[in-house]
Amino acid sequence: MRAVAGGGRYDQLVQLIGGVEMAACGFAMGDMVITDLIRETPAPNALLEAAVKDGQSVDAYVVLADPEKEKEAAALAQCLRLAGVRTLTPLTPAKVPKQFQAAEQSGARFAIVVGSEYPDLTIRNLLDRSERISRPESLVTDLTGG
């Protein structure tokens, strides 16, 4: 294992690479050394893995059922993100079943369907398959319960 951090004086370095004579100092941190140390220590490793898993979780996936409502769906996704709801949207046009498949694969808890009924939205709980209707102004509360 190497040092976690190190440094020193490098007075000749600037002149050596073609510059003027100048006093210099520097340091570096060994991020990989720290990562190895965390991975080899059970309690910090468990915290790291939990943080990575939490950082990758998705709360909601916006399903675009009506391509004419693309702007509304994008605005809705932005509002959710601003409210702290981790939200994904389809990046390319896709049929609704493919979007639900992507929502499942992302691990999202909810799929929010934006269709021709807009501003009525369908919220599908992807864990228990229940559905309910919401509207843009109450969506965050309906998703977070608060």
N, C-alpha and C. Protein backbone atom coordinates (compact mmCIF):
# COMPACT_ATOMS: atom_id res chain seq x y z
N MET A 1 0.83 -1.17 0.00
CA MET A 1 0.00 0.00 0.00
C MET A 1 0.89 1.25 0.00
N ARG A 2 0.51 2.22 -0.81
CA ARG A 2 1.27 3.47 -0.89
C ARG A 2 0.77 4.46 0.15
N ALA A 3 1.36 5.63 0.16
CA ALA A 3 0.96 6.68 1.09
C ALA A 3 -0.41 7.23 0.70
N VAL A 4 -1.15 7.68 1.71
CA VAL A 4 -2.45 8.29 1.47
C VAL A 4 -2.27 9.68 0.88
N ALA A 5 -1.28 10.40 1.37
CA ALA A 5 -0.99 11.74 0.85
C ALA A 5 0.51 11.97 0.95
N GLY A 6 1.00 12.79 0.07
CA GLY A 6 2.44 13.09 0.09
C GLY A 6 2.70 14.39 -0.62
N GLY A 7 3.91 14.87 -0.47
CA GLY A 7 4.26 16.11 -1.13
C GLY A 7 5.67 16.53 -0.77
N GLY A 8 6.00 17.74 -1.15
CA GLY A 8 7.33 18.24 -0.84
C GLY A 8 7.64 19.50 -1.61
N ARG A 9 8.90 19.85 -1.58
CA ARG A 9 9.38 21.03 -2.30
C ARG A 9 9.89 20.59 -3.67
N TYR A 10 9.65 21.41 -4.66
CA TYR A 10 10.06 21.11 -6.04
C TYR A 10 10.69 22.36 -6.65
N ASP A 11 11.70 22.91 -5.95
CA ASP A 11 12.30 24.17 -6.35
C ASP A 11 12.92 24.15 -7.74
N GLN A 12 13.43 23.03 -8.18
CA GLN A 12 14.10 22.96 -9.47
C GLN A 12 13.16 22.57 -10.62
N LEU A 13 11.95 22.16 -10.29
CA LEU A 13 11.05 21.59 -11.30
C LEU A 13 10.69 22.55 -12.42
N VAL A 14 10.30 23.76 -12.12
CA VAL A 14 9.89 24.72 -13.14
C VAL A 14 11.04 25.00 -14.09
N GLN A 15 12.23 25.19 -13.54
CA GLN A 15 13.41 25.46 -14.36
C GLN A 15 13.74 24.22 -15.20
N LEU A 16 13.60 23.05 -14.62
CA LEU A 16 13.92 21.80 -15.32
C LEU A 16 13.06 21.60 -16.56
N ILE A 17 11.82 22.02 -16.53
CA ILE A 17 10.94 21.82 -17.70
C ILE A 17 10.92 23.03 -18.62
N GLY A 18 11.91 23.92 -18.44
CA GLY A 18 12.07 25.00 -19.39
C GLY A 18 11.59 26.35 -18.93
N GLY A 19 11.34 26.49 -17.64
CA GLY A 19 10.87 27.78 -17.14
C GLY A 19 11.95 28.52 -16.39
N VAL A 20 11.53 29.41 -15.59
CA VAL A 20 12.44 30.21 -14.78
C VAL A 20 12.73 29.50 -13.47
N GLU A 21 13.78 29.95 -12.80
CA GLU A 21 14.07 29.40 -11.48
C GLU A 21 13.00 29.92 -10.52
N MET A 22 12.34 29.00 -9.83
CA MET A 22 11.21 29.41 -8.99
C MET A 22 11.03 28.39 -7.87
N ALA A 23 10.75 28.89 -6.68
CA ALA A 23 10.44 28.00 -5.56
C ALA A 23 9.06 27.38 -5.79
N ALA A 24 8.91 26.13 -5.43
CA ALA A 24 7.63 25.47 -5.63
C ALA A 24 7.44 24.37 -4.60
N CYS A 25 6.20 24.09 -4.31
CA CYS A 25 5.87 22.95 -3.46
C CYS A 25 4.57 22.34 -3.98
N GLY A 26 4.29 21.13 -3.57
CA GLY A 26 3.08 20.48 -4.04
C GLY A 26 2.73 19.28 -3.20
N PHE A 27 1.53 18.77 -3.42
CA PHE A 27 1.11 17.55 -2.73
C PHE A 27 0.07 16.84 -3.58
N ALA A 28 -0.17 15.60 -3.25
CA ALA A 28 -1.19 14.81 -3.94
C ALA A 28 -1.81 13.85 -2.94
N MET A 29 -3.07 13.51 -3.20
CA MET A 29 -3.76 12.54 -2.35
C MET A 29 -3.97 11.27 -3.16
N GLY A 30 -3.81 10.17 -2.51
CA GLY A 30 -3.98 8.88 -3.17
C GLY A 30 -5.41 8.38 -3.04
N ASP A 31 -6.29 8.81 -3.94
CA ASP A 31 -7.69 8.41 -3.84
C ASP A 31 -7.86 6.90 -3.96
N MET A 32 -7.04 6.26 -4.76
CA MET A 32 -7.16 4.80 -4.90
C MET A 32 -6.68 4.10 -3.63
N VAL A 33 -5.70 4.67 -2.97
CA VAL A 33 -5.24 4.10 -1.70
C VAL A 33 -6.36 4.19 -0.67
N ILE A 34 -7.04 5.33 -0.62
CA ILE A 34 -8.15 5.49 0.31
C ILE A 34 -9.28 4.53 -0.04
N THR A 35 -9.58 4.39 -1.32
CA THR A 35 -10.62 3.45 -1.76
C THR A 35 -10.26 2.03 -1.35
N ASP A 36 -9.02 1.63 -1.58
CA ASP A 36 -8.58 0.27 -1.18
C ASP A 36 -8.73 0.08 0.32
N LEU A 37 -8.35 1.09 1.08
CA LEU A 37 -8.45 1.01 2.54
C LEU A 37 -9.91 0.87 2.97
N ILE A 38 -10.79 1.63 2.37
CA ILE A 38 -12.22 1.54 2.70
C ILE A 38 -12.75 0.16 2.34
N ARG A 39 -12.40 -0.33 1.18
CA ARG A 39 -12.91 -1.64 0.73
C ARG A 39 -12.41 -2.79 1.61
N GLU A 40 -11.23 -2.62 2.22
CA GLU A 40 -10.66 -3.68 3.06
C GLU A 40 -11.15 -3.61 4.51
N THR A 41 -11.90 -2.57 4.87
CA THR A 41 -12.36 -2.39 6.24
C THR A 41 -13.88 -2.56 6.24
N PRO A 42 -14.40 -3.58 6.93
CA PRO A 42 -15.83 -3.93 6.81
C PRO A 42 -16.82 -2.79 7.06
N ALA A 43 -16.71 -2.07 8.15
CA ALA A 43 -17.72 -1.04 8.46
C ALA A 43 -17.71 0.09 7.43
N PRO A 44 -16.57 0.69 7.09
CA PRO A 44 -16.58 1.73 6.05
C PRO A 44 -17.01 1.20 4.69
N ASN A 45 -16.66 -0.05 4.38
CA ASN A 45 -17.07 -0.62 3.11
C ASN A 45 -18.59 -0.76 3.03
N ALA A 46 -19.22 -1.16 4.12
CA ALA A 46 -20.68 -1.27 4.14
C ALA A 46 -21.32 0.10 3.94
N LEU A 47 -20.76 1.13 4.57
CA LEU A 47 -21.28 2.49 4.38
C LEU A 47 -21.11 2.95 2.94
N LEU A 48 -19.96 2.67 2.34
CA LEU A 48 -19.70 3.04 0.96
C LEU A 48 -20.69 2.36 0.02
N GLU A 49 -20.89 1.06 0.19
CA GLU A 49 -21.81 0.33 -0.68
C GLU A 49 -23.24 0.83 -0.52
N ALA A 50 -23.65 1.16 0.71
CA ALA A 50 -25.00 1.69 0.93
C ALA A 50 -25.15 3.05 0.26
N ALA A 51 -24.12 3.89 0.34
CA ALA A 51 -24.18 5.21 -0.28
C ALA A 51 -24.24 5.10 -1.80
N VAL A 52 -23.47 4.19 -2.37
CA VAL A 52 -23.49 3.99 -3.82
C VAL A 52 -24.86 3.49 -4.26
N LYS A 53 -25.40 2.52 -3.53
CA LYS A 53 -26.71 1.98 -3.88
C LYS A 53 -27.79 3.06 -3.77
N ASP A 54 -27.75 3.84 -2.70
CA ASP A 54 -28.73 4.91 -2.52
C ASP A 54 -28.60 5.97 -3.62
N GLY A 55 -27.38 6.28 -4.01
CA GLY A 55 -27.14 7.29 -5.05
C GLY A 55 -27.62 6.85 -6.42
N GLN A 56 -27.76 5.54 -6.61
CA GLN A 56 -28.19 5.03 -7.91
C GLN A 56 -29.69 4.73 -7.95
N SER A 57 -30.37 4.88 -6.81
CA SER A 57 -31.79 4.54 -6.79
C SER A 57 -32.61 5.60 -7.53
N VAL A 58 -33.74 5.15 -8.03
CA VAL A 58 -34.63 6.02 -8.80
C VAL A 58 -35.99 6.01 -8.13
N ASP A 59 -36.55 7.19 -7.96
CA ASP A 59 -37.88 7.28 -7.35
C ASP A 59 -38.98 7.13 -8.40
N ALA A 60 -38.82 7.81 -9.54
CA ALA A 60 -39.90 7.85 -10.53
C ALA A 60 -39.35 7.79 -11.94
N TYR A 61 -40.14 7.20 -12.80
CA TYR A 61 -39.83 7.12 -14.23
C TYR A 61 -41.05 7.70 -14.96
N VAL A 62 -40.83 8.73 -15.76
CA VAL A 62 -41.92 9.35 -16.50
C VAL A 62 -42.12 8.60 -17.81
N VAL A 63 -43.29 8.01 -17.97
CA VAL A 63 -43.65 7.27 -19.18
C VAL A 63 -44.44 8.21 -20.09
N LEU A 64 -43.95 8.41 -21.29
CA LEU A 64 -44.61 9.29 -22.26
C LEU A 64 -45.53 8.43 -23.14
N ALA A 65 -46.82 8.44 -22.79
CA ALA A 65 -47.78 7.64 -23.54
C ALA A 65 -48.31 8.37 -24.76
N ASP A 66 -48.23 9.70 -24.75
CA ASP A 66 -48.71 10.51 -25.87
C ASP A 66 -47.57 11.43 -26.30
N PRO A 67 -46.95 11.15 -27.45
CA PRO A 67 -45.81 11.96 -27.89
C PRO A 67 -46.12 13.46 -28.00
N GLU A 68 -47.39 13.82 -28.16
CA GLU A 68 -47.76 15.24 -28.23
C GLU A 68 -47.63 15.92 -26.88
N LYS A 69 -47.45 15.17 -25.82
CA LYS A 69 -47.32 15.71 -24.47
C LYS A 69 -45.86 15.70 -24.00
N GLU A 70 -44.94 15.67 -24.95
CA GLU A 70 -43.51 15.60 -24.61
C GLU A 70 -43.05 16.80 -23.77
N LYS A 71 -43.49 18.00 -24.13
CA LYS A 71 -43.10 19.19 -23.36
C LYS A 71 -43.64 19.13 -21.94
N GLU A 72 -44.87 18.71 -21.79
CA GLU A 72 -45.46 18.60 -20.46
C GLU A 72 -44.72 17.56 -19.62
N ALA A 73 -44.36 16.45 -20.25
CA ALA A 73 -43.63 15.39 -19.54
C ALA A 73 -42.25 15.88 -19.10
N ALA A 74 -41.57 16.62 -19.97
CA ALA A 74 -40.25 17.16 -19.63
C ALA A 74 -40.36 18.16 -18.49
N ALA A 75 -41.37 19.02 -18.53
CA ALA A 75 -41.57 20.00 -17.46
C ALA A 75 -41.89 19.29 -16.15
N LEU A 76 -42.70 18.25 -16.23
CA LEU A 76 -43.06 17.48 -15.05
C LEU A 76 -41.82 16.83 -14.43
N ALA A 77 -40.97 16.24 -15.27
CA ALA A 77 -39.74 15.61 -14.79
C ALA A 77 -38.85 16.64 -14.11
N GLN A 78 -38.75 17.82 -14.70
CA GLN A 78 -37.93 18.88 -14.11
C GLN A 78 -38.47 19.31 -12.75
N CYS A 79 -39.77 19.45 -12.63
CA CYS A 79 -40.38 19.82 -11.34
C CYS A 79 -40.10 18.75 -10.28
N LEU A 80 -40.21 17.50 -10.68
CA LEU A 80 -39.92 16.41 -9.74
C LEU A 80 -38.47 16.46 -9.28
N ARG A 81 -37.56 16.66 -10.22
CA ARG A 81 -36.14 16.72 -9.88
C ARG A 81 -35.85 17.89 -8.94
N LEU A 82 -36.46 19.04 -9.21
CA LEU A 82 -36.26 20.21 -8.35
C LEU A 82 -36.79 19.96 -6.94
N ALA A 83 -37.78 19.10 -6.83
CA ALA A 83 -38.34 18.75 -5.52
C ALA A 83 -37.57 17.64 -4.83
N GLY A 84 -36.50 17.16 -5.47
CA GLY A 84 -35.67 16.12 -4.87
C GLY A 84 -36.11 14.71 -5.18
N VAL A 85 -37.04 14.55 -6.11
CA VAL A 85 -37.50 13.22 -6.53
C VAL A 85 -36.59 12.76 -7.66
N ARG A 86 -35.85 11.69 -7.44
CA ARG A 86 -34.93 11.20 -8.47
C ARG A 86 -35.75 10.61 -9.61
N THR A 87 -35.63 11.23 -10.78
CA THR A 87 -36.54 10.97 -11.89
C THR A 87 -35.78 10.67 -13.17
N LEU A 88 -36.25 9.65 -13.88
CA LEU A 88 -35.72 9.32 -15.21
C LEU A 88 -36.82 9.52 -16.24
N THR A 89 -36.41 9.78 -17.46
CA THR A 89 -37.34 9.89 -18.58
C THR A 89 -36.75 9.10 -19.75
N PRO A 90 -37.58 8.67 -20.69
CA PRO A 90 -37.03 7.99 -21.87
C PRO A 90 -36.21 8.98 -22.69
N LEU A 91 -35.06 8.54 -23.15
CA LEU A 91 -34.18 9.41 -23.93
C LEU A 91 -34.49 9.36 -25.42
N THR A 92 -35.14 8.29 -25.84
CA THR A 92 -35.53 8.16 -27.24
C THR A 92 -36.99 7.72 -27.29
N PRO A 93 -37.67 8.01 -28.39
CA PRO A 93 -39.06 7.55 -28.50
C PRO A 93 -39.16 6.03 -28.38
N ALA A 94 -40.13 5.59 -27.61
CA ALA A 94 -40.33 4.15 -27.42
C ALA A 94 -41.79 3.88 -27.12
N LYS A 95 -42.23 2.69 -27.45
CA LYS A 95 -43.60 2.28 -27.15
C LYS A 95 -43.75 2.16 -25.63
N VAL A 96 -44.98 2.35 -25.17
CA VAL A 96 -45.26 2.36 -23.74
C VAL A 96 -44.75 1.09 -23.03
N PRO A 97 -44.99 -0.12 -23.56
CA PRO A 97 -44.47 -1.30 -22.86
C PRO A 97 -42.95 -1.28 -22.67
N LYS A 98 -42.23 -0.78 -23.66
CA LYS A 98 -40.77 -0.66 -23.56
C LYS A 98 -40.39 0.34 -22.47
N GLN A 99 -41.16 1.41 -22.35
CA GLN A 99 -40.89 2.41 -21.31
C GLN A 99 -41.14 1.82 -19.92
N PHE A 100 -42.20 1.03 -19.78
CA PHE A 100 -42.45 0.38 -18.49
C PHE A 100 -41.34 -0.62 -18.18
N GLN A 101 -40.85 -1.29 -19.19
CA GLN A 101 -39.74 -2.22 -19.00
C GLN A 101 -38.50 -1.46 -18.52
N ALA A 102 -38.23 -0.31 -19.14
CA ALA A 102 -37.09 0.51 -18.72
C ALA A 102 -37.28 1.00 -17.29
N ALA A 103 -38.51 1.36 -16.94
CA ALA A 103 -38.80 1.81 -15.57
C ALA A 103 -38.49 0.70 -14.57
N GLU A 104 -38.93 -0.51 -14.89
CA GLU A 104 -38.66 -1.67 -14.03
C GLU A 104 -37.16 -1.90 -13.89
N GLN A 105 -36.45 -1.87 -15.02
CA GLN A 105 -35.01 -2.13 -15.01
C GLN A 105 -34.24 -1.06 -14.25
N SER A 106 -34.76 0.15 -14.22
CA SER A 106 -34.08 1.23 -13.51
C SER A 106 -34.23 1.10 -12.00
N GLY A 107 -35.18 0.29 -11.57
CA GLY A 107 -35.44 0.14 -10.14
C GLY A 107 -36.35 1.22 -9.59
N ALA A 108 -37.00 1.97 -10.47
CA ALA A 108 -37.91 3.04 -10.03
C ALA A 108 -39.04 2.45 -9.19
N ARG A 109 -39.48 3.22 -8.21
CA ARG A 109 -40.62 2.79 -7.40
C ARG A 109 -41.94 3.11 -8.07
N PHE A 110 -41.95 4.22 -8.85
CA PHE A 110 -43.19 4.67 -9.48
C PHE A 110 -42.97 4.94 -10.96
N ALA A 111 -44.02 4.68 -11.74
CA ALA A 111 -44.06 5.13 -13.13
C ALA A 111 -45.17 6.15 -13.21
N ILE A 112 -44.87 7.29 -13.79
CA ILE A 112 -45.86 8.35 -13.96
C ILE A 112 -46.19 8.43 -15.43
N VAL A 113 -47.42 8.14 -15.78
CA VAL A 113 -47.83 8.08 -17.17
C VAL A 113 -48.41 9.43 -17.59
N VAL A 114 -47.78 10.02 -18.60
CA VAL A 114 -48.25 11.28 -19.17
C VAL A 114 -48.87 10.93 -20.53
N GLY A 115 -50.19 11.01 -20.59
CA GLY A 115 -50.89 10.63 -21.81
C GLY A 115 -51.83 11.71 -22.29
N SER A 116 -52.75 11.31 -23.15
CA SER A 116 -53.69 12.27 -23.73
C SER A 116 -54.66 12.82 -22.69
N GLU A 117 -54.76 12.19 -21.53
CA GLU A 117 -55.64 12.65 -20.45
C GLU A 117 -55.03 13.81 -19.67
N TYR A 118 -53.79 14.18 -19.99
CA TYR A 118 -53.10 15.24 -19.26
C TYR A 118 -54.01 16.46 -19.14
N PRO A 119 -54.18 17.07 -17.99
CA PRO A 119 -53.29 17.05 -16.83
C PRO A 119 -53.54 15.92 -15.84
N ASP A 120 -54.46 15.01 -16.13
CA ASP A 120 -54.57 13.83 -15.27
C ASP A 120 -53.39 12.92 -15.56
N LEU A 121 -52.76 12.45 -14.49
CA LEU A 121 -51.59 11.58 -14.58
C LEU A 121 -51.90 10.28 -13.88
N THR A 122 -51.38 9.19 -14.40
CA THR A 122 -51.52 7.91 -13.72
C THR A 122 -50.20 7.60 -13.03
N ILE A 123 -50.28 7.34 -11.73
CA ILE A 123 -49.12 6.91 -10.97
C ILE A 123 -49.25 5.41 -10.74
N ARG A 124 -48.30 4.65 -11.25
CA ARG A 124 -48.30 3.20 -11.01
C ARG A 124 -47.18 2.88 -10.04
N ASN A 125 -47.55 2.26 -8.92
CA ASN A 125 -46.56 1.77 -7.97
C ASN A 125 -45.99 0.49 -8.56
N LEU A 126 -44.71 0.50 -8.89
CA LEU A 126 -44.10 -0.65 -9.57
C LEU A 126 -43.81 -1.79 -8.62
N LEU A 127 -43.97 -1.57 -7.32
CA LEU A 127 -43.74 -2.65 -6.36
C LEU A 127 -45.00 -3.50 -6.18
N ASP A 128 -46.16 -2.84 -6.02
CA ASP A 128 -47.38 -3.61 -5.80
C ASP A 128 -48.38 -3.52 -6.95
N ARG A 129 -48.03 -2.80 -8.01
CA ARG A 129 -48.82 -2.67 -9.24
C ARG A 129 -50.11 -1.88 -9.05
N SER A 130 -50.25 -1.20 -7.93
CA SER A 130 -51.45 -0.37 -7.73
C SER A 130 -51.32 0.90 -8.56
N GLU A 131 -52.46 1.50 -8.88
CA GLU A 131 -52.48 2.73 -9.67
C GLU A 131 -53.41 3.74 -9.01
N ARG A 132 -53.07 5.00 -9.20
CA ARG A 132 -53.95 6.08 -8.76
C ARG A 132 -53.76 7.26 -9.70
N ILE A 133 -54.70 8.16 -9.66
CA ILE A 133 -54.67 9.35 -10.53
C ILE A 133 -54.14 10.53 -9.72
N SER A 134 -53.37 11.35 -10.37
CA SER A 134 -52.83 12.56 -9.75
C SER A 134 -52.88 13.69 -10.77
N ARG A 135 -52.47 14.87 -10.33
CA ARG A 135 -52.37 16.03 -11.21
C ARG A 135 -51.02 16.67 -10.96
N PRO A 136 -50.50 17.43 -11.92
CA PRO A 136 -49.16 18.01 -11.77
C PRO A 136 -48.96 18.78 -10.47
N GLU A 137 -49.95 19.55 -10.04
CA GLU A 137 -49.78 20.39 -8.86
C GLU A 137 -49.71 19.59 -7.55
N SER A 138 -50.18 18.34 -7.55
CA SER A 138 -50.14 17.53 -6.33
C SER A 138 -49.24 16.30 -6.47
N LEU A 139 -48.55 16.18 -7.58
CA LEU A 139 -47.77 14.97 -7.85
C LEU A 139 -46.68 14.73 -6.82
N VAL A 140 -45.93 15.74 -6.47
CA VAL A 140 -44.82 15.55 -5.51
C VAL A 140 -45.38 15.05 -4.19
N THR A 141 -46.45 15.66 -3.72
CA THR A 141 -47.07 15.22 -2.46
C THR A 141 -47.59 13.80 -2.59
N ASP A 142 -48.20 13.47 -3.71
CA ASP A 142 -48.73 12.12 -3.92
C ASP A 142 -47.62 11.07 -3.94
N LEU A 143 -46.44 11.45 -4.43
CA LEU A 143 -45.32 10.50 -4.50
C LEU A 143 -44.60 10.37 -3.16
N THR A 144 -44.43 11.48 -2.48
CA THR A 144 -43.61 11.48 -1.27
C THR A 144 -44.43 11.34 -0.01
N GLY A 145 -45.73 11.57 -0.13
CA GLY A 145 -46.60 11.45 1.04
C GLY A 145 -46.43 12.63 2.00
N GLY A 146 -45.79 13.70 1.54
CA GLY A 146 -45.59 14.82 2.47
C GLY A 146 -45.71 16.15 1.85
